[in-house]
C-alpha atoms as a PDB file:
ATOM      1  CA  UNK A   1       0.000   0.000   0.000  1.00  0.00           C
ATOM      2  CA  UNK A   2       1.499   3.397  -0.921  1.00  0.00           C
ATOM      3  CA  UNK A   3       2.261   5.991   1.699  1.00  0.00           C
ATOM      4  CA  UNK A   4       0.207   9.160   1.946  1.00  0.00           C
ATOM      5  CA  UNK A   5       1.166  12.708   2.783  1.00  0.00           C
ATOM      6  CA  UNK A   6      -0.841  15.389   4.538  1.00  0.00           C
ATOM      7  CA  UNK A   7       0.129  18.854   3.368  1.00  0.00           C
ATOM      8  CA  UNK A   8      -1.094  21.778   5.443  1.00  0.00           C
ATOM      9  CA  UNK A   9      -0.657  25.456   4.648  1.00  0.00           C
ATOM     10  CA  UNK A  10      -1.184  27.882   7.508  1.00  0.00           C
ATOM     11  CA  UNK A  11      -1.751  31.629   7.492  1.00  0.00           C
ATOM     12  CA  UNK A  12      -0.816  32.206  11.124  1.00  0.00           C
ATOM     13  CA  UNK A  13      -2.529  35.018  13.010  1.00  0.00           C
ATOM     14  CA  UNK A  14      -1.577  33.926  16.560  1.00  0.00           C
ATOM     15  CA  UNK A  15       1.975  32.479  16.857  1.00  0.00           C
ATOM     16  CA  UNK A  16       1.554  31.625  20.557  1.00  0.00           C
ATOM     17  CA  UNK A  17      -1.676  29.809  19.733  1.00  0.00           C
ATOM     18  CA  UNK A  18       0.112  27.826  17.030  1.00  0.00           C
ATOM     19  CA  UNK A  19       2.807  26.834  19.527  1.00  0.00           C
ATOM     20  CA  UNK A  20       0.055  25.573  21.849  1.00  0.00           C
ATOM     21  CA  UNK A  21      -1.465  23.686  18.924  1.00  0.00           C
ATOM     22  CA  UNK A  22       1.893  22.072  18.106  1.00  0.00           C
ATOM     23  CA  UNK A  23       2.267  20.826  21.673  1.00  0.00           C
ATOM     24  CA  UNK A  24      -1.304  19.520  21.704  1.00  0.00           C
ATOM     25  CA  UNK A  25      -1.107  17.874  18.252  1.00  0.00           C
ATOM     26  CA  UNK A  26       2.263  16.154  18.704  1.00  0.00           C
ATOM     27  CA  UNK A  27       0.941  13.193  20.753  1.00  0.00           C
ATOM     28  CA  UNK A  28      -1.747  12.460  18.144  1.00  0.00           C
ATOM     29  CA  UNK A  29       0.910  12.405  15.431  1.00  0.00           C
ATOM     30  CA  UNK A  30       3.113  10.047  17.442  1.00  0.00           C
ATOM     31  CA  UNK A  31       0.163   7.745  18.173  1.00  0.00           C
ATOM     32  CA  UNK A  32      -0.751   7.607  14.479  1.00  0.00           C
ATOM     33  CA  UNK A  33       2.787   6.861  13.308  1.00  0.00           C
ATOM     34  CA  UNK A  34       3.050  10.130  11.369  1.00  0.00           C
ATOM     35  CA  UNK A  35       6.461  11.493  10.442  1.00  0.00           C
ATOM     36  CA  UNK A  36       6.984  15.226  10.063  1.00  0.00           C
ATOM     37  CA  UNK A  37       8.919  15.532   6.798  1.00  0.00           C
ATOM     38  CA  UNK A  38       8.989  19.306   6.423  1.00  0.00           C
ATOM     39  CA  UNK A  39       8.022  22.541   8.111  1.00  0.00           C
ATOM     40  CA  UNK A  40       8.854  25.525   5.926  1.00  0.00           C
ATOM     41  CA  UNK A  41       8.083  29.177   6.546  1.00  0.00           C
ATOM     42  CA  UNK A  42       9.098  30.181   3.037  1.00  0.00           C
ATOM     43  CA  UNK A  43       8.653  27.481   0.384  1.00  0.00           C
ATOM     44  CA  UNK A  44       9.991  28.252  -3.088  1.00  0.00           C
ATOM     45  CA  UNK A  45       6.856  28.876  -5.121  1.00  0.00           C
ATOM     46  CA  UNK A  46       7.442  27.812  -8.702  1.00  0.00           C
ATOM     47  CA  UNK A  47       4.035  28.758 -10.098  1.00  0.00           C
ATOM     48  CA  UNK A  48       0.902  30.521  -8.970  1.00  0.00           C
ATOM     49  CA  UNK A  49      -0.050  31.723  -5.515  1.00  0.00           C
ATOM     50  CA  UNK A  50       0.734  29.780  -2.338  1.00  0.00           C
ATOM     51  CA  UNK A  51      -1.486  30.041   0.702  1.00  0.00           C
ATOM     52  CA  UNK A  52      -0.162  30.926   4.105  1.00  0.00           C
ATOM     53  CA  UNK A  53       3.166  31.589   5.712  1.00  0.00           C
ATOM     54  CA  UNK A  54       3.981  28.049   6.821  1.00  0.00           C
ATOM     55  CA  UNK A  55       3.701  24.690   5.081  1.00  0.00           C
ATOM     56  CA  UNK A  56       3.844  21.343   6.903  1.00  0.00           C
ATOM     57  CA  UNK A  57       4.255  17.910   5.275  1.00  0.00           C
ATOM     58  CA  UNK A  58       3.377  14.774   7.280  1.00  0.00           C
ATOM     59  CA  UNK A  59       3.980  11.207   6.077  1.00  0.00           C
ATOM     60  CA  UNK A  60       1.606   8.357   6.934  1.00  0.00           C
ATOM     61  CA  UNK A  61       1.725   4.661   6.093  1.00  0.00           C
ATOM     62  CA  UNK A  62      -1.441   5.027   4.008  1.00  0.00           C
ATOM     63  CA  UNK A  63      -4.269   7.401   3.156  1.00  0.00           C
ATOM     64  CA  UNK A  64      -6.454   5.438   5.579  1.00  0.00           C
ATOM     65  CA  UNK A  65      -3.908   6.095   8.357  1.00  0.00           C
ATOM     66  CA  UNK A  66      -3.891   9.806   7.499  1.00  0.00           C
ATOM     67  CA  UNK A  67      -7.681   9.979   7.608  1.00  0.00           C
ATOM     68  CA  UNK A  68      -7.767   8.025  10.885  1.00  0.00           C
ATOM     69  CA  UNK A  69      -5.313  10.504  12.446  1.00  0.00           C
ATOM     70  CA  UNK A  70      -7.335  13.512  11.255  1.00  0.00           C
ATOM     71  CA  UNK A  71     -10.566  11.977  12.618  1.00  0.00           C
ATOM     72  CA  UNK A  72      -9.018  10.716  15.879  1.00  0.00           C
ATOM     73  CA  UNK A  73     -10.207  11.815  19.309  1.00  0.00           C
ATOM     74  CA  UNK A  74      -6.620  12.739  20.145  1.00  0.00           C
ATOM     75  CA  UNK A  75      -6.320  15.150  17.203  1.00  0.00           C
ATOM     76  CA  UNK A  76      -9.857  16.474  17.756  1.00  0.00           C
ATOM     77  CA  UNK A  77      -8.603  18.007  21.014  1.00  0.00           C
ATOM     78  CA  UNK A  78      -5.804  19.895  19.220  1.00  0.00           C
ATOM     79  CA  UNK A  79      -7.613  20.943  16.040  1.00  0.00           C
ATOM     80  CA  UNK A  80      -9.630  23.838  17.579  1.00  0.00           C
ATOM     81  CA  UNK A  81      -6.364  25.439  18.717  1.00  0.00           C
ATOM     82  CA  UNK A  82      -5.123  25.506  15.109  1.00  0.00           C
ATOM     83  CA  UNK A  83      -8.453  26.762  13.826  1.00  0.00           C
ATOM     84  CA  UNK A  84      -8.339  29.653  16.310  1.00  0.00           C
ATOM     85  CA  UNK A  85      -4.699  30.539  15.571  1.00  0.00           C
ATOM     86  CA  UNK A  86      -4.507  30.196  11.775  1.00  0.00           C
ATOM     87  CA  UNK A  87      -6.411  29.914   8.549  1.00  0.00           C
ATOM     88  CA  UNK A  88      -5.394  26.517   7.206  1.00  0.00           C
ATOM     89  CA  UNK A  89      -5.776  24.419   4.085  1.00  0.00           C
ATOM     90  CA  UNK A  90      -5.081  20.678   4.252  1.00  0.00           C
ATOM     91  CA  UNK A  91      -4.954  17.886   1.678  1.00  0.00           C
ATOM     92  CA  UNK A  92      -3.987  14.234   1.495  1.00  0.00           C
ATOM     93  CA  UNK A  93      -1.640  13.408  -1.358  1.00  0.00           C
ATOM     94  CA  UNK A  94      -1.413   9.734  -2.281  1.00  0.00           C
ATOM     95  CA  UNK A  95       2.058   8.293  -2.726  1.00  0.00           C
ATOM     96  CA  UNK A  96       3.118   6.061  -5.572  1.00  0.00           C
ATOM     97  CA  UNK A  97       3.614   2.376  -4.806  1.00  0.00           C
ATOM     98  CA  UNK A  98       7.210   1.264  -5.045  1.00  0.00           C
ATOM     99  CA  UNK A  99       8.048  -1.770  -7.173  1.00  0.00           C
ATOM    100  CA  UNK A 100       9.580  -4.704  -5.290  1.00  0.00           C
ATOM    101  CA  UNK A 101      13.360  -4.625  -4.920  1.00  0.00           C
ATOM    102  CA  UNK A 102      15.349  -7.074  -6.954  1.00  0.00           C
ATOM    103  CA  UNK A 103      18.605  -7.996  -5.270  1.00  0.00           C
END
């Protein structure tokens, strides 16, 4: 099953609130097996307009795992902190399955 990636862009209006969100969300990410791959305040935009002033990329074992994290009771406690501190956009991007290795 291919991995999946959650990409979140955040237009932060309350930095202290986002720090509180990060502390509250971290346990839910650990519980779900998510890996934080990138946090970038200034991504290099190649085309078009990019939303927000921070972009976060999380890796999950599958799209189902990403959805389960987002819907989890643990994350539900943190999510309102983010919603109060930033305008966010979030998507799941499906990874490409890797062919088996041939040694």
